[in-house]
Amino acid sequence: MEKIIETSYTIFYQYKPDIVFSEMKFRKTISIADVKENMKAFQSFVPKGQKILYVSDIAKMRGMDREARDFAEKNTDFPAMITANAMLVSNPISRMVGNFLLGLNKAIIPMKLFTDIDKAVIWLRTFKEEEKNT
C-alpha cells in the first residue's frame, strides 16, 4: 500500500519509489509550527542517512510568516534530506512564493519551479543519474 501522511494542512505521499510528493490541502500562510510539523512528517519518508527527490505543490501557499521564513533560512535538517526539490506552481502568488524559496535555498539544494509534474520528475531524475555517475 502507498504510504500517505497527512499533517494539519499538507498531504505527503510516495509518488514514485524515489520521489516524495506533497500538496497543501487549502490556502494558507505558513507558520513556524507548520514548518516543524511538515518536517517531522517528511522525515518519515527518508531512509536514515540518505536523501530523496521531492516534488512540492505550493500552488495553495499564500506565503510564510517572518518566524517561519527565518527558521527555513537557517534550518539544515531539511536540505540534509533532499537531493533536489521541484516546486509546482499554478498562479502568480505561488510563483512569487516559489521564487522566494529559491532565493533562500539557492546554494543549499537544487530547486526549480514547474507548472507540469512530468517535467518536474524528468528534471529530478537527472540528479539520480548524477549520483550514479559519481
Protein backbone atom coordinates (compact mmCIF):
# COMPACT_ATOMS: atom_id res chain seq x y z
CA MET A 1 0.00 0.00 0.00
CA GLU A 2 1.13 3.51 -0.81
CA LYS A 3 2.49 5.46 2.15
CA ILE A 4 0.45 8.59 2.90
CA ILE A 5 0.91 11.01 5.80
CA GLU A 6 -1.36 13.98 6.47
CA THR A 7 -0.45 16.94 8.61
CA SER A 8 -2.89 19.66 9.58
CA TYR A 9 -2.56 21.27 6.14
CA THR A 10 -0.43 19.02 3.89
CA ILE A 11 -0.68 15.55 2.36
CA PHE A 12 2.60 13.70 1.75
CA TYR A 13 2.85 10.51 -0.28
CA GLN A 14 5.34 8.34 -2.11
CA TYR A 15 4.82 9.50 -5.72
CA LYS A 16 7.46 7.17 -7.15
CA PRO A 17 9.83 4.83 -5.29
CA ASP A 18 12.47 7.57 -5.18
CA ILE A 19 10.20 10.66 -5.08
CA VAL A 20 8.05 12.12 -2.31
CA PHE A 21 5.19 14.45 -3.26
CA SER A 22 3.41 16.96 -1.05
CA GLU A 23 0.34 19.08 -1.63
CA MET A 24 -1.32 21.64 0.59
CA LYS A 25 -4.97 20.88 1.41
CA PHE A 26 -6.06 24.53 1.46
CA ARG A 27 -4.73 28.07 1.02
CA LYS A 28 -2.56 29.07 3.95
CA THR A 29 0.22 31.32 5.15
CA ILE A 30 2.81 29.01 6.71
CA SER A 31 3.86 29.43 10.35
CA ILE A 32 6.92 28.02 12.11
CA ALA A 33 4.70 25.39 13.76
CA ASP A 34 3.54 24.33 10.28
CA VAL A 35 7.11 24.06 9.02
CA LYS A 36 8.13 21.90 12.00
CA GLU A 37 5.04 19.68 11.67
CA ASN A 38 5.74 19.11 7.97
CA MET A 39 9.44 18.42 8.56
CA LYS A 40 8.54 15.66 11.02
CA ALA A 41 6.14 14.08 8.52
CA PHE A 42 8.64 14.40 5.67
CA GLN A 43 11.40 12.73 7.71
CA SER A 44 9.38 9.53 7.86
CA PHE A 45 9.84 9.10 4.09
CA VAL A 46 13.62 9.48 4.15
CA PRO A 47 15.74 6.39 4.83
CA LYS A 48 18.32 7.08 7.53
CA GLY A 49 21.50 8.57 6.10
CA GLN A 50 20.01 9.02 2.62
CA LYS A 51 18.47 11.81 0.57
CA ILE A 52 15.40 11.73 -1.65
CA LEU A 53 13.87 13.67 -4.52
CA TYR A 54 10.96 15.92 -3.64
CA VAL A 55 8.04 17.44 -5.54
CA SER A 56 6.13 20.06 -3.56
CA ASP A 57 2.92 21.53 -4.93
CA ILE A 58 2.95 25.04 -3.48
CA ALA A 59 0.02 26.40 -5.52
CA LYS A 60 -2.06 26.95 -2.36
CA MET A 61 0.72 28.51 -0.30
CA ARG A 62 -0.03 32.16 0.41
CA GLY A 63 3.37 32.79 1.93
CA MET A 64 5.36 32.27 5.11
CA ASP A 65 5.26 34.39 8.23
CA ARG A 66 8.52 36.00 9.38
CA GLU A 67 9.31 33.40 12.03
CA ALA A 68 8.79 30.57 9.51
CA ARG A 69 10.99 32.33 6.93
CA ASP A 70 13.78 32.86 9.48
CA PHE A 71 13.58 29.21 10.55
CA ALA A 72 13.59 27.96 6.95
CA GLU A 73 16.56 30.13 6.07
CA LYS A 74 18.69 28.80 8.95
CA ASN A 75 17.50 25.20 9.11
CA THR A 76 19.86 22.48 7.90
CA ASP A 77 17.70 19.40 8.57
CA PHE A 78 15.51 19.74 5.50
CA PRO A 79 18.37 20.23 2.99
CA ALA A 80 20.15 17.24 4.55
CA MET A 81 17.23 15.01 3.48
CA ILE A 82 16.70 16.22 -0.09
CA THR A 83 18.77 15.72 -3.24
CA ALA A 84 16.63 18.18 -5.23
CA ASN A 85 13.21 19.87 -4.93
CA ALA A 86 10.83 20.56 -7.81
CA MET A 87 8.11 23.03 -6.81
CA LEU A 88 4.82 23.05 -8.70
CA VAL A 89 3.21 26.45 -9.18
CA SER A 90 -0.02 27.38 -10.92
CA ASN A 91 -0.66 31.04 -10.22
CA PRO A 92 1.23 34.32 -9.70
CA ILE A 93 1.15 34.06 -5.89
CA SER A 94 2.60 30.54 -5.83
CA ARG A 95 5.25 31.62 -8.36
CA MET A 96 6.19 34.55 -6.09
CA VAL A 97 6.43 32.24 -3.05
CA GLY A 98 8.45 29.76 -5.11
CA ASN A 99 10.88 32.44 -6.22
CA PHE A 100 11.33 33.49 -2.59
CA LEU A 101 12.08 29.87 -1.59
CA LEU A 102 14.54 29.59 -4.48
CA GLY A 103 16.36 32.61 -3.07
CA LEU A 104 16.51 31.07 0.41
CA ASN A 105 17.95 27.75 -0.67
CA LYS A 106 19.79 28.55 -3.88
CA ALA A 107 23.20 27.39 -2.70
CA ILE A 108 21.99 24.58 -0.43
CA ILE A 109 19.93 22.25 -2.65
CA PRO A 110 18.89 22.39 -6.30
CA MET A 111 15.36 23.78 -6.63
CA LYS A 112 13.31 24.73 -9.66
CA LEU A 113 9.75 25.89 -10.39
CA PHE A 114 7.47 23.91 -12.72
CA THR A 115 3.89 24.02 -13.93
CA ASP A 116 3.96 20.38 -15.13
CA ILE A 117 4.69 17.43 -12.84
CA ASP A 118 6.06 15.24 -15.65
CA LYS A 119 8.69 17.85 -16.50
CA ALA A 120 9.47 18.19 -12.79
CA VAL A 121 10.08 14.43 -12.49
CA ILE A 122 12.33 14.42 -15.57
CA TRP A 123 14.40 17.22 -14.02
CA LEU A 124 14.58 15.46 -10.65
CA ARG A 125 15.74 12.21 -12.25
CA THR A 126 18.80 13.99 -13.64
CA PHE A 127 20.06 14.17 -10.06
CA LYS A 128 19.72 10.40 -9.65
CA GLU A 129 21.78 9.96 -12.79
CA GLU A 130 24.44 12.31 -11.38
CA GLU A 131 24.58 10.20 -8.18
CA LYS A 132 25.13 7.04 -10.26
CA ASN A 133 28.00 8.67 -12.14
CA THR A 134 29.91 9.84 -9.04
